[in-house]
C-alpha atoms as a PDB file:
ATOM      1  CA  MET A   1      71.140  50.425 131.468  1.00  0.00           C
ATOM      2  CA  ALA A   2      71.247  47.313 133.625  1.00  0.00           C
ATOM      3  CA  SER A   3      71.567  47.380 137.359  1.00  0.00           C
ATOM      4  CA  ASP A   4      73.955  44.455 137.857  1.00  0.00           C
ATOM      5  CA  GLY A   5      77.160  45.854 136.242  1.00  0.00           C
ATOM      6  CA  PRO A   6      79.864  48.026 137.648  1.00  0.00           C
ATOM      7  CA  ARG A   7      78.583  51.353 138.877  1.00  0.00           C
ATOM      8  CA  TYR A   8      80.074  54.631 137.706  1.00  0.00           C
ATOM      9  CA  LYS A   9      79.503  58.263 138.806  1.00  0.00           C
ATOM     10  CA  CYS A  10      79.368  61.364 136.622  1.00  0.00           C
ATOM     11  CA  TYR A  11      82.040  63.802 137.796  1.00  0.00           C
ATOM     12  CA  ASN A  12      79.739  66.774 137.144  1.00  0.00           C
ATOM     13  CA  CYS A  13      76.455  65.906 138.813  1.00  0.00           C
ATOM     14  CA  GLY A  14      77.225  62.748 140.842  1.00  0.00           C
ATOM     15  CA  GLU A  15      74.589  60.643 139.008  1.00  0.00           C
ATOM     16  CA  GLU A  16      75.241  56.975 139.397  1.00  0.00           C
ATOM     17  CA  LEU A  17      75.461  55.166 136.039  1.00  0.00           C
ATOM     18  CA  VAL A  18      75.612  51.563 134.841  1.00  0.00           C
ATOM     19  CA  PHE A  19      76.522  50.625 131.219  1.00  0.00           C
ATOM     20  CA  GLU A  20      76.021  47.417 129.349  1.00  0.00           C
ATOM     21  CA  VAL A  21      78.495  48.435 126.600  1.00  0.00           C
ATOM     22  CA  LYS A  22      81.658  50.520 126.558  1.00  0.00           C
ATOM     23  CA  ILE A  23      80.961  54.240 126.382  1.00  0.00           C
ATOM     24  CA  GLY A  24      82.018  56.218 123.371  1.00  0.00           C
ATOM     25  CA  ARG A  25      83.714  59.583 123.023  1.00  0.00           C
ATOM     26  CA  ARG A  26      80.447  61.480 122.491  1.00  0.00           C
ATOM     27  CA  ASP A  27      78.317  59.784 125.137  1.00  0.00           C
ATOM     28  CA  MET A  28      76.770  62.152 127.666  1.00  0.00           C
ATOM     29  CA  CYS A  29      75.398  61.908 131.201  1.00  0.00           C
ATOM     30  CA  PRO A  30      71.611  61.527 130.892  1.00  0.00           C
ATOM     31  CA  ASN A  31      71.152  63.859 133.890  1.00  0.00           C
ATOM     32  CA  CYS A  32      73.501  66.809 133.208  1.00  0.00           C
ATOM     33  CA  PHE A  33      74.676  66.190 129.619  1.00  0.00           C
ATOM     34  CA  ALA A  34      78.418  66.295 130.584  1.00  0.00           C
ATOM     35  CA  TYR A  35      80.679  64.229 128.412  1.00  0.00           C
ATOM     36  CA  LEU A  36      81.379  60.859 130.045  1.00  0.00           C
ATOM     37  CA  HIS A  37      84.560  59.867 128.102  1.00  0.00           C
ATOM     38  CA  CYS A  38      86.589  62.713 129.652  1.00  0.00           C
ATOM     39  CA  CYS A  39      89.551  63.049 131.932  1.00  0.00           C
ATOM     40  CA  TYR A  40      87.516  63.945 135.006  1.00  0.00           C
ATOM     41  CA  ASN A  41      85.789  60.555 134.866  1.00  0.00           C
ATOM     42  CA  CYS A  42      88.958  58.570 134.236  1.00  0.00           C
ATOM     43  CA  LYS A  43      90.641  56.576 136.997  1.00  0.00           C
ATOM     44  CA  PHE A  44      94.035  57.828 135.770  1.00  0.00           C
ATOM     45  CA  TYR A  45      93.062  61.498 136.275  1.00  0.00           C
ATOM     46  CA  ASN A  46      95.037  63.223 139.018  1.00  0.00           C
ATOM     47  CA  PRO A  47      95.429  66.997 139.106  1.00  0.00           C
ATOM     48  CA  ASP A  48      98.669  66.692 141.186  1.00  0.00           C
ATOM     49  CA  VAL A  49     100.781  64.899 138.547  1.00  0.00           C
ATOM     50  CA  HIS A  50     102.353  65.831 135.249  1.00  0.00           C
ATOM     51  CA  ASN A  51      99.714  66.325 132.514  1.00  0.00           C
ATOM     52  CA  GLN A  52      97.160  65.538 135.207  1.00  0.00           C
ATOM     53  CA  CYS A  53      97.298  61.838 134.217  1.00  0.00           C
ATOM     54  CA  THR A  54      98.956  58.890 135.992  1.00  0.00           C
ATOM     55  CA  GLU A  55      98.991  56.921 132.741  1.00  0.00           C
ATOM     56  CA  ASN A  56     102.458  57.881 131.473  1.00  0.00           C
ATOM     57  CA  GLN A  57     101.731  56.981 127.830  1.00  0.00           C
ATOM     58  CA  GLY A  58      98.607  59.026 127.572  1.00  0.00           C
ATOM     59  CA  GLU A  59      98.703  62.118 125.335  1.00  0.00           C
ATOM     60  CA  PHE A  60      98.127  65.602 126.609  1.00  0.00           C
ATOM     61  CA  ILE A  61      94.427  66.576 126.674  1.00  0.00           C
ATOM     62  CA  ARG A  62      93.762  70.290 126.706  1.00  0.00           C
ATOM     63  CA  ASP A  63      90.105  70.346 127.803  1.00  0.00           C
ATOM     64  CA  ARG A  64      89.624  67.779 130.581  1.00  0.00           C
ATOM     65  CA  ALA A  65      85.820  68.028 130.510  1.00  0.00           C
ATOM     66  CA  GLU A  66      85.498  67.495 126.771  1.00  0.00           C
ATOM     67  CA  GLY A  67      84.954  64.044 125.238  1.00  0.00           C
ATOM     68  CA  ASN A  68      88.296  62.774 123.856  1.00  0.00           C
ATOM     69  CA  PHE A  69      90.002  59.981 121.972  1.00  0.00           C
ATOM     70  CA  CYS A  70      92.315  58.817 124.836  1.00  0.00           C
ATOM     71  CA  LEU A  71      93.079  55.114 124.390  1.00  0.00           C
ATOM     72  CA  TYR A  72      93.883  54.654 128.069  1.00  0.00           C
ATOM     73  CA  PHE A  73      90.534  56.018 129.350  1.00  0.00           C
ATOM     74  CA  THR A  74      89.127  53.744 132.071  1.00  0.00           C
ATOM     75  CA  PHE A  75      85.947  54.971 133.796  1.00  0.00           C
ATOM     76  CA  ARG A  76      86.434  55.403 137.548  1.00  0.00           C
ATOM     77  CA  GLU A  77      84.043  53.132 139.407  1.00  0.00           C
ATOM     78  CA  VAL A  78      81.945  54.166 142.407  1.00  0.00           C
ATOM     79  CA  GLY A  79      84.086  53.757 145.480  1.00  0.00           C
ATOM     80  CA  GLU A  80      87.430  54.463 143.776  1.00  0.00           C
ATOM     81  CA  GLU A  81      89.259  57.539 145.024  1.00  0.00           C
ATOM     82  CA  ASP A  82      88.113  60.696 143.295  1.00  0.00           C
ATOM     83  CA  PRO A  83      90.594  63.588 143.252  1.00  0.00           C
ATOM     84  CA  LEU A  84      87.809  66.055 142.506  1.00  0.00           C
ATOM     85  CA  ASP A  85      86.018  65.117 145.808  1.00  0.00           C
ATOM     86  CA  GLU A  86      89.069  66.317 147.773  1.00  0.00           C
ATOM     87  CA  ALA A  87      88.888  69.708 146.091  1.00  0.00           C
ATOM     88  CA  ARG A  88      85.080  69.950 146.648  1.00  0.00           C
ATOM     89  CA  LYS A  89      85.533  69.100 150.376  1.00  0.00           C
ATOM     90  CA  ALA A  90      88.244  71.736 150.795  1.00  0.00           C
ATOM     91  CA  LYS A  91      86.020  74.386 149.107  1.00  0.00           C
ATOM     92  CA  GLU A  92      83.143  73.487 151.378  1.00  0.00           C
ATOM     93  CA  LYS A  93      85.361  73.817 154.439  1.00  0.00           C
ATOM     94  CA  LEU A  94      86.508  77.295 153.269  1.00  0.00           C
ATOM     95  CA  GLU A  95      82.958  78.383 152.633  1.00  0.00           C
ATOM     96  CA  ALA A  96      81.897  77.157 156.079  1.00  0.00           C
ATOM     97  CA  MET A  97      84.842  78.917 157.653  1.00  0.00           C
ATOM     98  CA  PHE A  98      84.033  82.272 155.996  1.00  0.00           C
ATOM     99  CA  GLY A  99      80.295  82.275 156.377  1.00  0.00           C
ATOM    100  CA  GLY A 100      79.334  80.238 153.307  1.00  0.00           C
ATOM    101  CA  LYS A 101      78.609  81.300 149.796  1.00  0.00           C
ATOM    102  CA  LYS A 102      77.177  84.766 149.426  1.00  0.00           C
ATOM    103  CA  THR A 103      75.350  85.018 146.182  1.00  0.00           C
ATOM    104  CA  SER A 104      72.974  87.665 145.066  1.00  0.00           C
ATOM    105  CA  GLU A 105      70.875  88.068 141.982  1.00  0.00           C
ATOM    106  CA  ALA A 106      72.064  90.426 139.271  1.00  0.00           C
ATOM    107  CA  PRO A 107      70.329  93.826 139.317  1.00  0.00           C
ATOM    108  CA  LYS A 108      67.361  93.900 137.044  1.00  0.00           C
ATOM    109  CA  THR A 109      67.596  97.600 136.079  1.00  0.00           C
ATOM    110  CA  PRO A 110      70.477 100.056 135.572  1.00  0.00           C
ATOM    111  CA  GLU A 111      69.064 102.128 138.448  1.00  0.00           C
ATOM    112  CA  GLU A 112      69.197  99.184 140.817  1.00  0.00           C
ATOM    113  CA  ALA A 113      72.820  98.462 139.739  1.00  0.00           C
ATOM    114  CA  LYS A 114      73.808 102.050 140.406  1.00  0.00           C
ATOM    115  CA  ALA A 115      72.073 102.062 143.824  1.00  0.00           C
ATOM    116  CA  ARG A 116      73.957  98.888 144.776  1.00  0.00           C
ATOM    117  CA  LEU A 117      77.258 100.404 143.669  1.00  0.00           C
ATOM    118  CA  GLU A 118      76.652 103.591 145.577  1.00  0.00           C
ATOM    119  CA  ALA A 119      75.708 101.625 148.708  1.00  0.00           C
ATOM    120  CA  LEU A 120      78.931  99.663 148.466  1.00  0.00           C
ATOM    121  CA  PHE A 121      81.070 102.787 148.441  1.00  0.00           C
ATOM    122  CA  LYS A 122      78.925 104.977 150.753  1.00  0.00           C
ATOM    123  CA  LYS A 123      80.847 106.750 153.513  1.00  0.00           C
ATOM    124  CA  LYS A 124      79.996 105.578 156.966  1.00  0.00           C
END
């Protein structure tokens, strides 16, 4: 990868990428191994329009994260509007509003799972 070409960003991990040649259908992000030639990385992707694509001649793609054969694919460059960023920002605002993400590890034993379940429904 050269450092003087256009810069792109992986939709999945945010890794900045630069390519000397056009990417192929099966090329993957070197950081997270997500497909690069996919709808989420395309400048025509927009979840608010019909078929989630602003290119009106593009064919319907069922799995937007999978590498595809779309002839209209154009990698979104760094700095271009990213519709997924808006969704991420909205999710972050909701998490902040409601106390953030609450995650816990899965119980390691059946006894621990039963104890958590009983604690959840314990009468106060």
